[in-house]
Each structure stands twice: as structure tokens, then as C-alpha cells.
Amino acid sequence: MSEWIELCDVSELNEKEIMPIDFEDTPLMIIKHNGEFHVTSRICTHQTFDLTKGIYNDGYITCILHGSIFEIDTGEVLNPPATEDLYVYNTKISDGKILIEI
């Protein structure tokens, strides 16, 4: 059975901004892209590098450690050296809050 967990207020994030946030012991990132909020794991799947320190551009985040690029909508890795996708959380907005399904 899943539940929805509140992460933060929608007003805390601007368009194209990346927010690092931790849920329990899980490092996540929230990105607002085209008015929608996307929540994914924030550690590069190639090596343990925080993707919030990467380069965000038009729906993609690039890990500056080795250059892997991930699609924000799907978490899909688009080039090596990473081979595993980021985990993407189902997200919804309720009463001005960003929630994820766990």
C-alpha cells in the first residue's frame, strides 16, 4: 500500500530550479520544468555524485563528474558511463504542497 508524503511548498521552487531534499535517508531532487514538478533520486547512478551540483538544461540534467545525462521526466540515462536510470517518483500538488507517492 502506498502513501503520499509532503516534501515542500510549491512556492519554494522557481522554474528550472533544482532543489535538493532528503526524505528520511533518501537524497532526492525536485525540479520545476514547464510548470510541472519532477522528483527523482539525486545521486548519479554511475558514481555517488550529487546531481543537484550538475548542469540543468531544458528537461535534462548532466552529471559534471563524468558527463552522463538524465531525462528529468522519465529518469532515463541517455549516455554512458551511467547505465541505470534515476528513480522517478509519482508527484502531485495538494493545497500548494508538493507530494510524492511512496
N, C-alpha and C. Protein backbone atom coordinates (compact mmCIF):
# COMPACT_ATOMS: atom_id res chain seq x y z
N MET A 1 0.83 -1.18 0.00
CA MET A 1 0.00 0.00 0.00
C MET A 1 0.88 1.25 0.00
N SER A 2 0.55 2.19 -0.84
CA SER A 2 1.35 3.41 -0.94
C SER A 2 0.70 4.54 -0.15
N GLU A 3 1.52 5.56 0.09
CA GLU A 3 1.00 6.76 0.75
C GLU A 3 1.68 7.97 0.12
N TRP A 4 1.06 9.13 0.30
CA TRP A 4 1.60 10.38 -0.23
C TRP A 4 2.27 11.14 0.89
N ILE A 5 3.51 11.59 0.64
CA ILE A 5 4.32 12.28 1.62
C ILE A 5 4.60 13.70 1.13
N GLU A 6 4.40 14.67 2.01
CA GLU A 6 4.65 16.07 1.66
C GLU A 6 6.14 16.37 1.73
N LEU A 7 6.65 17.04 0.67
CA LEU A 7 8.05 17.41 0.64
C LEU A 7 8.28 18.89 0.95
N CYS A 8 7.51 19.77 0.28
CA CYS A 8 7.70 21.20 0.47
C CYS A 8 6.56 21.97 -0.17
N ASP A 9 6.59 23.28 -0.02
CA ASP A 9 5.60 24.17 -0.61
C ASP A 9 6.00 24.48 -2.05
N VAL A 10 5.04 24.57 -2.96
CA VAL A 10 5.35 24.86 -4.37
C VAL A 10 6.03 26.22 -4.53
N SER A 11 5.78 27.14 -3.62
CA SER A 11 6.37 28.48 -3.72
C SER A 11 7.87 28.48 -3.43
N GLU A 12 8.41 27.38 -2.95
CA GLU A 12 9.84 27.31 -2.64
C GLU A 12 10.71 27.06 -3.86
N LEU A 13 10.07 26.82 -5.02
CA LEU A 13 10.82 26.43 -6.21
C LEU A 13 10.41 27.27 -7.41
N ASN A 14 11.39 27.84 -8.10
CA ASN A 14 11.15 28.60 -9.32
C ASN A 14 11.36 27.70 -10.53
N GLU A 15 10.86 28.14 -11.68
CA GLU A 15 11.03 27.41 -12.93
C GLU A 15 12.52 27.16 -13.18
N LYS A 16 12.85 25.95 -13.57
CA LYS A 16 14.21 25.50 -13.91
C LYS A 16 15.15 25.49 -12.71
N GLU A 17 14.60 25.53 -11.52
CA GLU A 17 15.42 25.47 -10.32
C GLU A 17 15.48 24.03 -9.82
N ILE A 18 16.62 23.64 -9.26
CA ILE A 18 16.80 22.32 -8.69
C ILE A 18 16.89 22.46 -7.18
N MET A 19 16.06 21.71 -6.47
CA MET A 19 16.08 21.75 -5.01
C MET A 19 16.48 20.39 -4.47
N PRO A 20 17.59 20.33 -3.72
CA PRO A 20 17.91 19.07 -3.05
C PRO A 20 17.03 18.94 -1.81
N ILE A 21 16.56 17.75 -1.57
CA ILE A 21 15.73 17.50 -0.39
C ILE A 21 15.95 16.05 0.02
N ASP A 22 15.94 15.81 1.31
CA ASP A 22 16.11 14.45 1.82
C ASP A 22 14.81 13.97 2.43
N PHE A 23 14.40 12.78 2.04
CA PHE A 23 13.26 12.13 2.66
C PHE A 23 13.80 10.93 3.42
N GLU A 24 13.70 11.00 4.74
CA GLU A 24 14.33 10.01 5.61
C GLU A 24 15.81 9.95 5.22
N ASP A 25 16.32 8.84 4.76
CA ASP A 25 17.74 8.77 4.37
C ASP A 25 17.93 8.78 2.86
N THR A 26 16.90 9.18 2.13
CA THR A 26 16.96 9.14 0.67
C THR A 26 17.18 10.53 0.10
N PRO A 27 18.29 10.74 -0.63
CA PRO A 27 18.54 12.04 -1.26
C PRO A 27 17.73 12.18 -2.55
N LEU A 28 16.89 13.19 -2.59
CA LEU A 28 16.02 13.45 -3.74
C LEU A 28 16.31 14.83 -4.30
N MET A 29 15.80 15.08 -5.50
CA MET A 29 15.82 16.44 -6.04
C MET A 29 14.47 16.72 -6.68
N ILE A 30 14.07 17.97 -6.55
CA ILE A 30 12.83 18.45 -7.16
C ILE A 30 13.24 19.47 -8.21
N ILE A 31 12.68 19.33 -9.40
CA ILE A 31 12.93 20.27 -10.48
C ILE A 31 11.59 20.72 -11.04
N LYS A 32 11.44 22.03 -11.18
CA LYS A 32 10.25 22.57 -11.83
C LYS A 32 10.60 22.82 -13.28
N HIS A 33 9.91 22.12 -14.17
CA HIS A 33 10.16 22.21 -15.61
C HIS A 33 8.84 22.36 -16.33
N ASN A 34 8.71 23.43 -17.11
CA ASN A 34 7.47 23.72 -17.85
C ASN A 34 6.26 23.73 -16.92
N GLY A 35 6.45 24.28 -15.73
CA GLY A 35 5.35 24.42 -14.77
C GLY A 35 5.00 23.16 -14.00
N GLU A 36 5.68 22.07 -14.28
CA GLU A 36 5.43 20.81 -13.58
C GLU A 36 6.59 20.49 -12.65
N PHE A 37 6.29 19.80 -11.56
CA PHE A 37 7.31 19.42 -10.59
C PHE A 37 7.69 17.96 -10.80
N HIS A 38 8.99 17.72 -10.86
CA HIS A 38 9.53 16.37 -11.05
C HIS A 38 10.42 16.04 -9.86
N VAL A 39 10.23 14.86 -9.30
CA VAL A 39 11.04 14.43 -8.16
C VAL A 39 11.72 13.12 -8.56
N THR A 40 13.04 13.13 -8.44
CA THR A 40 13.83 11.94 -8.76
C THR A 40 14.88 11.72 -7.67
N SER A 41 15.51 10.55 -7.73
CA SER A 41 16.70 10.36 -6.91
C SER A 41 17.73 11.37 -7.40
N ARG A 42 18.64 11.79 -6.53
CA ARG A 42 19.58 12.83 -6.96
C ARG A 42 21.03 12.38 -7.03
N ILE A 43 21.29 11.12 -6.81
CA ILE A 43 22.65 10.61 -6.89
C ILE A 43 22.85 9.92 -8.23
N CYS A 44 23.90 10.33 -8.94
CA CYS A 44 24.20 9.73 -10.23
C CYS A 44 24.34 8.23 -10.07
N THR A 45 23.78 7.49 -11.00
CA THR A 45 23.80 6.02 -10.91
C THR A 45 25.15 5.44 -11.34
N HIS A 46 26.03 6.26 -11.86
CA HIS A 46 27.37 5.78 -12.22
C HIS A 46 28.29 5.79 -11.01
N GLN A 47 28.36 6.93 -10.34
CA GLN A 47 29.13 7.05 -9.11
C GLN A 47 28.33 7.95 -8.18
N THR A 48 28.68 7.97 -6.94
CA THR A 48 27.87 8.70 -5.97
C THR A 48 28.18 10.20 -6.01
N PHE A 49 27.65 10.85 -7.04
CA PHE A 49 27.80 12.29 -7.19
C PHE A 49 26.42 12.94 -7.13
N ASP A 50 26.31 14.02 -6.39
CA ASP A 50 25.04 14.74 -6.20
C ASP A 50 24.69 15.51 -7.48
N LEU A 51 23.61 15.10 -8.14
CA LEU A 51 23.23 15.72 -9.40
C LEU A 51 22.72 17.15 -9.26
N THR A 52 22.39 17.59 -8.05
CA THR A 52 21.98 18.98 -7.89
C THR A 52 23.17 19.92 -8.12
N LYS A 53 24.37 19.36 -8.16
CA LYS A 53 25.56 20.14 -8.49
C LYS A 53 25.87 20.06 -9.98
N GLY A 54 25.01 19.37 -10.71
CA GLY A 54 25.19 19.21 -12.15
C GLY A 54 24.63 20.38 -12.92
N ILE A 55 24.52 20.20 -14.23
CA ILE A 55 24.03 21.25 -15.12
C ILE A 55 22.64 20.87 -15.59
N TYR A 56 21.68 21.76 -15.34
CA TYR A 56 20.31 21.53 -15.78
C TYR A 56 20.05 22.33 -17.04
N ASN A 57 19.47 21.69 -18.06
CA ASN A 57 19.16 22.37 -19.29
C ASN A 57 17.97 21.72 -19.98
N ASP A 58 16.88 22.46 -20.06
CA ASP A 58 15.72 22.08 -20.88
C ASP A 58 15.24 20.64 -20.68
N GLY A 59 15.04 20.24 -19.43
CA GLY A 59 14.50 18.92 -19.14
C GLY A 59 15.52 17.83 -18.93
N TYR A 60 16.80 18.19 -18.95
CA TYR A 60 17.88 17.22 -18.78
C TYR A 60 18.85 17.70 -17.71
N ILE A 61 19.43 16.76 -16.98
CA ILE A 61 20.47 17.12 -16.03
C ILE A 61 21.72 16.33 -16.36
N THR A 62 22.83 17.04 -16.38
CA THR A 62 24.12 16.43 -16.72
C THR A 62 24.97 16.32 -15.47
N CYS A 63 25.48 15.14 -15.24
CA CYS A 63 26.41 14.92 -14.14
C CYS A 63 27.76 15.48 -14.57
N ILE A 64 28.27 16.45 -13.81
CA ILE A 64 29.53 17.08 -14.21
C ILE A 64 30.76 16.24 -13.87
N LEU A 65 30.55 15.15 -13.16
CA LEU A 65 31.68 14.30 -12.82
C LEU A 65 32.20 13.53 -14.03
N HIS A 66 31.27 12.89 -14.79
CA HIS A 66 31.67 12.10 -15.95
C HIS A 66 30.81 12.33 -17.19
N GLY A 67 29.83 13.24 -17.12
CA GLY A 67 29.09 13.63 -18.31
C GLY A 67 27.83 12.87 -18.64
N SER A 68 27.39 11.96 -17.79
CA SER A 68 26.13 11.27 -18.07
C SER A 68 24.97 12.27 -18.02
N ILE A 69 24.00 12.07 -18.90
CA ILE A 69 22.83 12.95 -18.99
C ILE A 69 21.59 12.13 -18.68
N PHE A 70 20.71 12.71 -17.86
CA PHE A 70 19.47 12.06 -17.47
C PHE A 70 18.28 12.93 -17.86
N GLU A 71 17.22 12.29 -18.36
CA GLU A 71 15.98 12.99 -18.66
C GLU A 71 15.18 13.13 -17.37
N ILE A 72 14.73 14.33 -17.08
CA ILE A 72 14.03 14.61 -15.83
C ILE A 72 12.66 13.94 -15.78
N ASP A 73 11.91 13.94 -16.88
CA ASP A 73 10.55 13.37 -16.89
C ASP A 73 10.54 11.88 -16.59
N THR A 74 11.51 11.16 -17.15
CA THR A 74 11.49 9.70 -17.05
C THR A 74 12.62 9.12 -16.20
N GLY A 75 13.65 9.92 -15.94
CA GLY A 75 14.83 9.43 -15.24
C GLY A 75 15.79 8.68 -16.13
N GLU A 76 15.43 8.54 -17.40
CA GLU A 76 16.23 7.73 -18.32
C GLU A 76 17.63 8.31 -18.50
N VAL A 77 18.64 7.43 -18.40
CA VAL A 77 20.01 7.83 -18.69
C VAL A 77 20.18 7.79 -20.21
N LEU A 78 20.77 8.86 -20.75
CA LEU A 78 20.86 8.98 -22.21
C LEU A 78 22.24 8.68 -22.77
N ASN A 79 23.24 8.61 -21.90
CA ASN A 79 24.58 8.28 -22.39
C ASN A 79 25.44 7.75 -21.25
N PRO A 80 26.48 6.99 -21.61
CA PRO A 80 27.38 6.45 -20.60
C PRO A 80 28.26 7.56 -20.02
N PRO A 81 28.91 7.29 -18.91
CA PRO A 81 29.17 5.98 -18.33
C PRO A 81 28.02 5.43 -17.49
N ALA A 82 27.06 6.25 -17.07
CA ALA A 82 25.92 5.70 -16.30
C ALA A 82 25.12 4.76 -17.20
N THR A 83 24.60 3.69 -16.60
CA THR A 83 23.80 2.73 -17.36
C THR A 83 22.42 2.52 -16.74
N GLU A 84 22.23 2.99 -15.50
CA GLU A 84 20.95 2.83 -14.82
C GLU A 84 20.22 4.17 -14.75
N ASP A 85 18.89 4.11 -14.93
CA ASP A 85 18.05 5.30 -14.85
C ASP A 85 17.93 5.80 -13.42
N LEU A 86 17.57 7.06 -13.28
CA LEU A 86 17.23 7.61 -11.97
C LEU A 86 15.84 7.11 -11.59
N TYR A 87 15.58 6.98 -10.30
CA TYR A 87 14.24 6.62 -9.86
C TYR A 87 13.38 7.89 -9.89
N VAL A 88 12.20 7.79 -10.49
CA VAL A 88 11.27 8.91 -10.61
C VAL A 88 10.06 8.62 -9.74
N TYR A 89 9.68 9.58 -8.93
CA TYR A 89 8.55 9.44 -8.02
C TYR A 89 7.29 10.02 -8.63
N ASN A 90 6.16 9.34 -8.42
CA ASN A 90 4.88 9.93 -8.77
C ASN A 90 4.70 11.16 -7.89
N THR A 91 4.29 12.26 -8.50
CA THR A 91 4.22 13.54 -7.81
C THR A 91 2.85 14.15 -8.02
N LYS A 92 2.37 14.84 -7.00
CA LYS A 92 1.13 15.60 -7.16
C LYS A 92 1.21 16.85 -6.28
N ILE A 93 0.34 17.80 -6.60
CA ILE A 93 0.23 19.03 -5.83
C ILE A 93 -1.09 18.99 -5.09
N SER A 94 -1.05 19.29 -3.79
CA SER A 94 -2.26 19.34 -2.98
C SER A 94 -2.13 20.49 -1.99
N ASP A 95 -3.09 21.39 -2.03
CA ASP A 95 -3.08 22.56 -1.13
C ASP A 95 -1.77 23.32 -1.17
N GLY A 96 -1.19 23.47 -2.37
CA GLY A 96 0.04 24.22 -2.53
C GLY A 96 1.29 23.50 -2.08
N LYS A 97 1.19 22.19 -1.84
CA LYS A 97 2.33 21.39 -1.39
C LYS A 97 2.70 20.35 -2.45
N ILE A 98 3.99 20.06 -2.55
CA ILE A 98 4.46 19.01 -3.45
C ILE A 98 4.51 17.71 -2.64
N LEU A 99 3.84 16.69 -3.17
CA LEU A 99 3.80 15.38 -2.52
C LEU A 99 4.35 14.31 -3.45
N ILE A 100 4.96 13.28 -2.85
CA ILE A 100 5.40 12.12 -3.63
C ILE A 100 4.73 10.88 -3.07
N GLU A 101 4.57 9.91 -3.97
CA GLU A 101 3.98 8.63 -3.57
C GLU A 101 5.10 7.66 -3.20
N ILE A 102 4.98 7.08 -2.01
CA ILE A 102 5.97 6.07 -1.59
C ILE A 102 5.26 4.78 -1.25
